[in-house]
């Protein structure tokens, strides 16, 4: 069988794809505002993020706590990471029309 025939006949499962656009349960904040979820979604497009309760953890080095205006670095973390995440946070909030 030709490789093109195999490619065309094999079903594609997008659910297990690393490029799946469907949000996972870990990316949905529990008990957070829609604004917080929008900020998380915007950050997660370019940076590895996860929820820790109502706190957004970015790159395991930076945390953003409610009201999601400022970033704080983890102990022993790189201060450049805080600066970078702060810039991205400001830019994404601006895009979303948030202050």
C-alpha atoms as a PDB file:
ATOM      1  CA  UNK A   1       0.000   0.000   0.000  1.00  0.00           C
ATOM      2  CA  UNK A   2       1.264   3.446  -0.857  1.00  0.00           C
ATOM      3  CA  UNK A   3       1.916   5.831   2.049  1.00  0.00           C
ATOM      4  CA  UNK A   4      -0.563   8.367   0.681  1.00  0.00           C
ATOM      5  CA  UNK A   5      -3.279   5.713   0.681  1.00  0.00           C
ATOM      6  CA  UNK A   6      -2.538   4.887   4.319  1.00  0.00           C
ATOM      7  CA  UNK A   7      -2.561   8.548   5.241  1.00  0.00           C
ATOM      8  CA  UNK A   8      -5.913   9.095   3.560  1.00  0.00           C
ATOM      9  CA  UNK A   9      -7.547   5.991   4.996  1.00  0.00           C
ATOM     10  CA  UNK A  10      -6.363   6.133   8.608  1.00  0.00           C
ATOM     11  CA  UNK A  11      -8.714   7.992  10.940  1.00  0.00           C
ATOM     12  CA  UNK A  12      -7.178  10.940  12.736  1.00  0.00           C
ATOM     13  CA  UNK A  13      -7.739  11.262  16.463  1.00  0.00           C
ATOM     14  CA  UNK A  14      -7.422  14.887  17.499  1.00  0.00           C
ATOM     15  CA  UNK A  15      -8.288  14.262  21.133  1.00  0.00           C
ATOM     16  CA  UNK A  16      -4.847  12.853  21.895  1.00  0.00           C
ATOM     17  CA  UNK A  17      -3.010  15.360  19.746  1.00  0.00           C
ATOM     18  CA  UNK A  18      -0.685  17.761  21.577  1.00  0.00           C
ATOM     19  CA  UNK A  19      -2.081  20.449  19.285  1.00  0.00           C
ATOM     20  CA  UNK A  20      -5.679  19.925  20.333  1.00  0.00           C
ATOM     21  CA  UNK A  21      -7.475  23.236  20.855  1.00  0.00           C
ATOM     22  CA  UNK A  22      -9.997  21.792  23.275  1.00  0.00           C
ATOM     23  CA  UNK A  23      -9.447  23.163  26.784  1.00  0.00           C
ATOM     24  CA  UNK A  24      -8.525  20.633  29.410  1.00  0.00           C
ATOM     25  CA  UNK A  25     -10.066  20.702  32.864  1.00  0.00           C
ATOM     26  CA  UNK A  26      -6.725  21.848  34.307  1.00  0.00           C
ATOM     27  CA  UNK A  27      -6.945  25.033  32.229  1.00  0.00           C
ATOM     28  CA  UNK A  28     -10.310  26.042  33.642  1.00  0.00           C
ATOM     29  CA  UNK A  29     -10.144  27.957  36.902  1.00  0.00           C
ATOM     30  CA  UNK A  30     -12.566  26.950  39.641  1.00  0.00           C
ATOM     31  CA  UNK A  31     -14.301  29.843  41.365  1.00  0.00           C
ATOM     32  CA  UNK A  32     -12.536  32.517  39.296  1.00  0.00           C
ATOM     33  CA  UNK A  33     -14.081  35.427  37.449  1.00  0.00           C
ATOM     34  CA  UNK A  34     -14.478  35.496  33.675  1.00  0.00           C
ATOM     35  CA  UNK A  35     -11.816  38.231  33.605  1.00  0.00           C
ATOM     36  CA  UNK A  36      -9.372  35.934  35.402  1.00  0.00           C
ATOM     37  CA  UNK A  37     -10.123  33.089  32.996  1.00  0.00           C
ATOM     38  CA  UNK A  38      -9.647  35.421  30.012  1.00  0.00           C
ATOM     39  CA  UNK A  39      -6.268  36.521  31.379  1.00  0.00           C
ATOM     40  CA  UNK A  40      -5.244  32.891  31.948  1.00  0.00           C
ATOM     41  CA  UNK A  41      -6.313  31.899  28.427  1.00  0.00           C
ATOM     42  CA  UNK A  42      -4.397  34.820  26.903  1.00  0.00           C
ATOM     43  CA  UNK A  43      -1.222  34.018  28.861  1.00  0.00           C
ATOM     44  CA  UNK A  44      -1.499  30.280  28.171  1.00  0.00           C
ATOM     45  CA  UNK A  45      -1.338  30.915  24.424  1.00  0.00           C
ATOM     46  CA  UNK A  46       2.335  31.860  24.733  1.00  0.00           C
ATOM     47  CA  UNK A  47       3.502  30.736  28.188  1.00  0.00           C
ATOM     48  CA  UNK A  48       3.100  27.511  30.180  1.00  0.00           C
ATOM     49  CA  UNK A  49       0.445  28.271  32.811  1.00  0.00           C
ATOM     50  CA  UNK A  50      -1.590  26.382  35.372  1.00  0.00           C
ATOM     51  CA  UNK A  51      -4.095  27.194  38.062  1.00  0.00           C
ATOM     52  CA  UNK A  52      -3.180  26.874  41.762  1.00  0.00           C
ATOM     53  CA  UNK A  53      -6.535  27.625  43.341  1.00  0.00           C
ATOM     54  CA  UNK A  54      -7.276  31.190  42.235  1.00  0.00           C
ATOM     55  CA  UNK A  55      -3.605  31.939  41.531  1.00  0.00           C
ATOM     56  CA  UNK A  56      -2.114  31.686  38.051  1.00  0.00           C
ATOM     57  CA  UNK A  57       1.301  29.986  38.056  1.00  0.00           C
ATOM     58  CA  UNK A  58       3.413  30.831  35.007  1.00  0.00           C
ATOM     59  CA  UNK A  59       6.523  28.834  34.088  1.00  0.00           C
ATOM     60  CA  UNK A  60       6.656  27.554  37.699  1.00  0.00           C
ATOM     61  CA  UNK A  61       8.572  30.750  38.509  1.00  0.00           C
ATOM     62  CA  UNK A  62       5.935  33.482  38.560  1.00  0.00           C
ATOM     63  CA  UNK A  63       2.575  33.783  40.294  1.00  0.00           C
ATOM     64  CA  UNK A  64      -0.266  36.155  39.558  1.00  0.00           C
ATOM     65  CA  UNK A  65      -2.792  36.507  42.376  1.00  0.00           C
ATOM     66  CA  UNK A  66      -6.215  38.186  42.364  1.00  0.00           C
ATOM     67  CA  UNK A  67      -6.946  40.878  41.218  1.00  0.00           C
ATOM     68  CA  UNK A  68      -4.404  39.756  38.556  1.00  0.00           C
ATOM     69  CA  UNK A  69      -2.576  43.068  38.254  1.00  0.00           C
ATOM     70  CA  UNK A  70       0.934  42.204  39.420  1.00  0.00           C
ATOM     71  CA  UNK A  71       3.372  39.318  39.191  1.00  0.00           C
ATOM     72  CA  UNK A  72       5.496  37.870  41.965  1.00  0.00           C
ATOM     73  CA  UNK A  73       8.530  35.665  41.560  1.00  0.00           C
ATOM     74  CA  UNK A  74       9.056  32.344  43.249  1.00  0.00           C
ATOM     75  CA  UNK A  75      11.865  32.105  45.788  1.00  0.00           C
ATOM     76  CA  UNK A  76      15.123  31.478  43.960  1.00  0.00           C
ATOM     77  CA  UNK A  77      13.471  32.170  40.599  1.00  0.00           C
ATOM     78  CA  UNK A  78      14.836  34.263  37.775  1.00  0.00           C
ATOM     79  CA  UNK A  79      13.857  37.948  38.181  1.00  0.00           C
ATOM     80  CA  UNK A  80      13.859  38.269  34.382  1.00  0.00           C
ATOM     81  CA  UNK A  81      10.942  35.828  34.304  1.00  0.00           C
ATOM     82  CA  UNK A  82       8.890  38.159  36.514  1.00  0.00           C
ATOM     83  CA  UNK A  83       9.724  41.087  34.241  1.00  0.00           C
ATOM     84  CA  UNK A  84       8.821  39.119  31.109  1.00  0.00           C
ATOM     85  CA  UNK A  85       5.537  37.773  32.497  1.00  0.00           C
ATOM     86  CA  UNK A  86       4.663  41.272  33.753  1.00  0.00           C
ATOM     87  CA  UNK A  87       5.093  42.672  30.248  1.00  0.00           C
ATOM     88  CA  UNK A  88       3.049  39.887  28.693  1.00  0.00           C
ATOM     89  CA  UNK A  89       0.345  40.326  31.363  1.00  0.00           C
ATOM     90  CA  UNK A  90       0.117  44.070  30.676  1.00  0.00           C
ATOM     91  CA  UNK A  91      -0.028  43.516  26.921  1.00  0.00           C
ATOM     92  CA  UNK A  92      -2.708  40.821  27.158  1.00  0.00           C
ATOM     93  CA  UNK A  93      -4.824  42.871  29.568  1.00  0.00           C
ATOM     94  CA  UNK A  94      -4.573  45.779  27.140  1.00  0.00           C
ATOM     95  CA  UNK A  95      -5.721  43.542  24.271  1.00  0.00           C
ATOM     96  CA  UNK A  96      -8.643  42.355  26.387  1.00  0.00           C
ATOM     97  CA  UNK A  97      -9.583  45.938  27.256  1.00  0.00           C
ATOM     98  CA  UNK A  98      -8.804  45.441  30.936  1.00  0.00           C
ATOM     99  CA  UNK A  99      -6.946  47.825  33.231  1.00  0.00           C
END
